[in-house]
Amino acid sequence: MARYDHSSAQCFVYSFKDGLLSKIAHDLKHRATRFAIEVDDQNRLVNATIDAASLQVDCVMKEGVEAANEMSESDKRKIESQIVDDVLHSKQHPTIHFRSTAVSPVAEGFRIEGMVNLHGVEKPIVSIAHRENGHYRADLTLHQPDFGIKPFSAMMGTLKIKPDVIVRLIVPAV
């Protein structure tokens, strides 16, 4: 069984701006700093746990490209606090968990089916882990309202985050 954490793998969450004032907002790349991924190749099982309070703003994204130094450290901390306290409610729901129910080889890598437990709600999800540059990368699109999460909104809804976020997990290919 292979085990990964922040020192050997990566976990990102991408959020996207929306609303009338979206021109003053940012698409963001967040990084989970506390997580564990277990891959059992023999039994084709994957389990992942993410500390909901560990999401940090990594950088601003402009048209899909990382844009360093586009946001002050104090703004990053404010956004992180809002995500942890007002969006994910991490005190009530401290972990995000995924457990696979089926892993099967496909041309691109592996098809992974499983259950995500987020914000106290469990839902099925399917993703393809693509092999690239010595790693496997799996992207999961999560629709926040499906998990009882109200996407962030401010200024009477004129500045908000789209309901869909992308979770990206990257682990070494063994």
Foldseek 3Di string as FASTA:
>chain_A
DDKDWQVFKWKWKWWAKDFQPSVVPFTFIKTQRGKMWDADPVVGKIKIKTFQLRIFTPATADPNHGDPPPDDPVVRVVVSCCSCCPFQVCVVVGMKMWIFPDWDADPQGIKTWTWIQGSNDIDIFIWHFGDDDQKTKTKTKDQSVVNVTDWDADPVRRITIHRIMIMMMIGGDD
